[in-house]
């Protein structure tokens, strides 16, 4: 096929250059006890490599970097076959929700009689419990049912 002008030629796709990752050497002696019982302990890789994944919650692409893997497996002693499934933003949001639920539970145990009439507190706790399963947490059916009943009474 002949092209009249140079601008008519099909364009080549742009090349995306990844920055050169810093190699993180593997030290299996620093792994957790359960990781040391794994078959990979006997034939460990020489270094960690970046692992790309798609967030199971929001669908964003994310990377479990070699440096994060070294910290996770050797520093925090997580199990070696553990993989990330949610991006850092969704993970932080889940942590925020869990913290909020813990705070509400603690306040409820200490001041139950006053908080039964506090619609704002009940609504916030209810929303946290409703949102939590969207981030991989277990649904608290009993807590949701109790709060729904209390919110109906306080309205």
Protein backbone atom coordinates (compact mmCIF):
# COMPACT_ATOMS: atom_id res chain seq x y z
CA UNK A 1 0.00 0.00 0.00
CA UNK A 2 1.35 3.42 -0.98
CA UNK A 3 0.90 6.50 1.19
CA UNK A 4 0.61 10.01 -0.27
CA UNK A 5 2.18 11.82 2.68
CA UNK A 6 4.46 10.82 5.49
CA UNK A 7 1.70 11.67 8.00
CA UNK A 8 -0.51 8.97 6.42
CA UNK A 9 1.80 6.17 7.58
CA UNK A 10 0.40 4.16 10.48
CA UNK A 11 1.89 5.24 13.81
CA UNK A 12 3.86 2.86 15.96
CA UNK A 13 2.55 2.46 19.48
CA UNK A 14 4.46 4.46 22.08
CA UNK A 15 6.83 2.53 24.21
CA UNK A 16 6.29 2.83 27.94
CA UNK A 17 9.59 2.71 29.78
CA UNK A 18 9.48 1.30 33.26
CA UNK A 19 11.99 2.76 35.67
CA UNK A 20 14.70 0.28 36.49
CA UNK A 21 13.71 -1.43 39.71
CA UNK A 22 16.21 -1.84 42.48
CA UNK A 23 16.88 -5.53 43.03
CA UNK A 24 15.86 -6.79 46.44
CA UNK A 25 17.75 -9.93 47.37
CA UNK A 26 15.88 -12.73 49.09
CA UNK A 27 17.00 -13.89 52.53
CA UNK A 28 14.82 -16.93 53.31
CA UNK A 29 16.34 -17.23 56.79
CA UNK A 30 14.37 -14.06 57.69
CA UNK A 31 11.02 -15.55 56.61
CA UNK A 32 8.28 -16.62 59.04
CA UNK A 33 8.26 -20.14 60.49
CA UNK A 34 5.35 -21.17 58.24
CA UNK A 35 7.18 -19.82 55.16
CA UNK A 36 10.25 -21.85 56.12
CA UNK A 37 8.08 -25.01 56.03
CA UNK A 38 7.05 -24.16 52.46
CA UNK A 39 8.71 -25.89 49.50
CA UNK A 40 10.02 -22.57 48.16
CA UNK A 41 12.30 -22.29 51.21
CA UNK A 42 14.48 -25.10 49.83
CA UNK A 43 14.85 -23.46 46.39
CA UNK A 44 14.31 -19.72 46.98
CA UNK A 45 14.45 -17.15 44.18
CA UNK A 46 17.56 -14.96 44.08
CA UNK A 47 15.59 -11.70 44.31
CA UNK A 48 12.07 -10.31 44.62
CA UNK A 49 10.38 -8.96 41.50
CA UNK A 50 7.60 -6.39 41.16
CA UNK A 51 4.20 -8.09 40.86
CA UNK A 52 1.43 -6.28 38.97
CA UNK A 53 -2.16 -6.97 39.98
CA UNK A 54 -5.62 -5.52 39.59
CA UNK A 55 -7.47 -4.39 42.73
CA UNK A 56 -10.34 -6.77 43.48
CA UNK A 57 -12.44 -3.91 44.82
CA UNK A 58 -11.96 -0.89 42.53
CA UNK A 59 -10.28 -2.50 39.50
CA UNK A 60 -7.26 -0.17 39.51
CA UNK A 61 -3.89 -1.55 38.46
CA UNK A 62 -1.36 -1.70 41.27
CA UNK A 63 2.14 -3.06 41.88
CA UNK A 64 3.43 -5.08 44.83
CA UNK A 65 7.00 -3.80 44.60
CA UNK A 66 10.08 -5.85 45.35
CA UNK A 67 10.91 -3.55 48.28
CA UNK A 68 7.40 -3.98 49.73
CA UNK A 69 7.71 -7.76 49.35
CA UNK A 70 11.03 -7.79 51.20
CA UNK A 71 9.51 -5.75 54.04
CA UNK A 72 6.35 -7.89 54.12
CA UNK A 73 7.99 -11.32 54.04
CA UNK A 74 11.24 -10.67 55.89
CA UNK A 75 10.36 -7.74 58.15
CA UNK A 76 6.73 -8.38 59.05
CA UNK A 77 7.08 -12.17 58.70
CA UNK A 78 4.00 -12.62 56.49
CA UNK A 79 3.49 -16.00 54.83
CA UNK A 80 5.54 -16.19 51.60
CA UNK A 81 2.63 -17.24 49.36
CA UNK A 82 0.48 -14.27 50.48
CA UNK A 83 -0.51 -12.01 47.59
CA UNK A 84 -2.11 -8.59 47.51
CA UNK A 85 -5.63 -8.36 46.12
CA UNK A 86 -6.58 -4.76 46.97
CA UNK A 87 -4.74 -1.55 46.10
CA UNK A 88 -3.16 0.61 48.81
CA UNK A 89 -6.05 3.15 48.68
CA UNK A 90 -8.71 0.47 49.24
CA UNK A 91 -6.57 -1.11 51.96
CA UNK A 92 -6.31 2.23 53.79
CA UNK A 93 -10.07 2.74 53.47
CA UNK A 94 -10.71 -0.73 54.92
CA UNK A 95 -8.36 0.08 57.82
CA UNK A 96 -10.25 3.36 58.41
CA UNK A 97 -13.59 1.52 58.46
CA UNK A 98 -12.27 -1.15 60.84
CA UNK A 99 -10.90 1.55 63.16
CA UNK A 100 -14.28 3.33 63.12
CA UNK A 101 -16.15 0.11 63.92
CA UNK A 102 -13.77 -0.62 66.83
CA UNK A 103 -14.24 2.92 68.20
CA UNK A 104 -18.03 2.63 67.97
CA UNK A 105 -18.00 -0.79 69.65
CA UNK A 106 -15.80 0.50 72.49
CA UNK A 107 -18.00 3.56 73.03
CA UNK A 108 -21.13 1.36 72.90
CA UNK A 109 -19.78 -0.95 75.62
CA UNK A 110 -18.95 2.00 77.87
CA UNK A 111 -22.02 4.24 77.31
CA UNK A 112 -24.79 2.03 75.92
CA UNK A 113 -27.75 3.73 77.63
CA UNK A 114 -26.88 7.24 76.39
CA UNK A 115 -25.86 6.12 72.90
CA UNK A 116 -29.14 4.24 72.29
CA UNK A 117 -30.75 7.67 71.78
CA UNK A 118 -27.86 9.26 69.84
CA UNK A 119 -29.12 9.01 66.24
CA UNK A 120 -25.95 10.53 64.76
CA UNK A 121 -23.73 7.94 66.47
CA UNK A 122 -26.07 5.08 65.49
CA UNK A 123 -26.21 6.27 61.86
CA UNK A 124 -22.40 6.53 61.60
CA UNK A 125 -21.92 3.04 63.07
CA UNK A 126 -24.65 1.64 60.80
CA UNK A 127 -22.98 3.14 57.70
CA UNK A 128 -19.60 1.70 58.70
CA UNK A 129 -21.10 -1.78 59.19
CA UNK A 130 -22.94 -1.53 55.85
CA UNK A 131 -19.80 -0.44 53.97
CA UNK A 132 -17.38 -2.95 55.54
CA UNK A 133 -18.37 -5.98 53.35
CA UNK A 134 -17.59 -3.91 50.21
CA UNK A 135 -13.96 -3.93 51.36
CA UNK A 136 -13.74 -7.67 52.03
CA UNK A 137 -14.97 -7.72 55.63
CA UNK A 138 -17.63 -10.05 56.99
CA UNK A 139 -21.14 -8.67 57.23
CA UNK A 140 -22.29 -8.18 60.83
CA UNK A 141 -25.96 -9.14 60.43
CA UNK A 142 -26.79 -8.90 64.14
CA UNK A 143 -25.18 -5.47 64.54
CA UNK A 144 -26.89 -4.10 61.45
CA UNK A 145 -30.27 -5.48 62.59
CA UNK A 146 -29.82 -3.97 66.08
CA UNK A 147 -28.84 -0.55 64.68
CA UNK A 148 -31.70 -0.58 62.17
CA UNK A 149 -34.15 -1.26 65.01
CA UNK A 150 -32.61 1.48 67.21
CA UNK A 151 -32.64 3.98 64.34
CA UNK A 152 -36.33 3.24 63.71
CA UNK A 153 -37.06 3.85 67.41
CA UNK A 154 -35.03 7.08 67.58
CA UNK A 155 -36.65 8.54 64.44
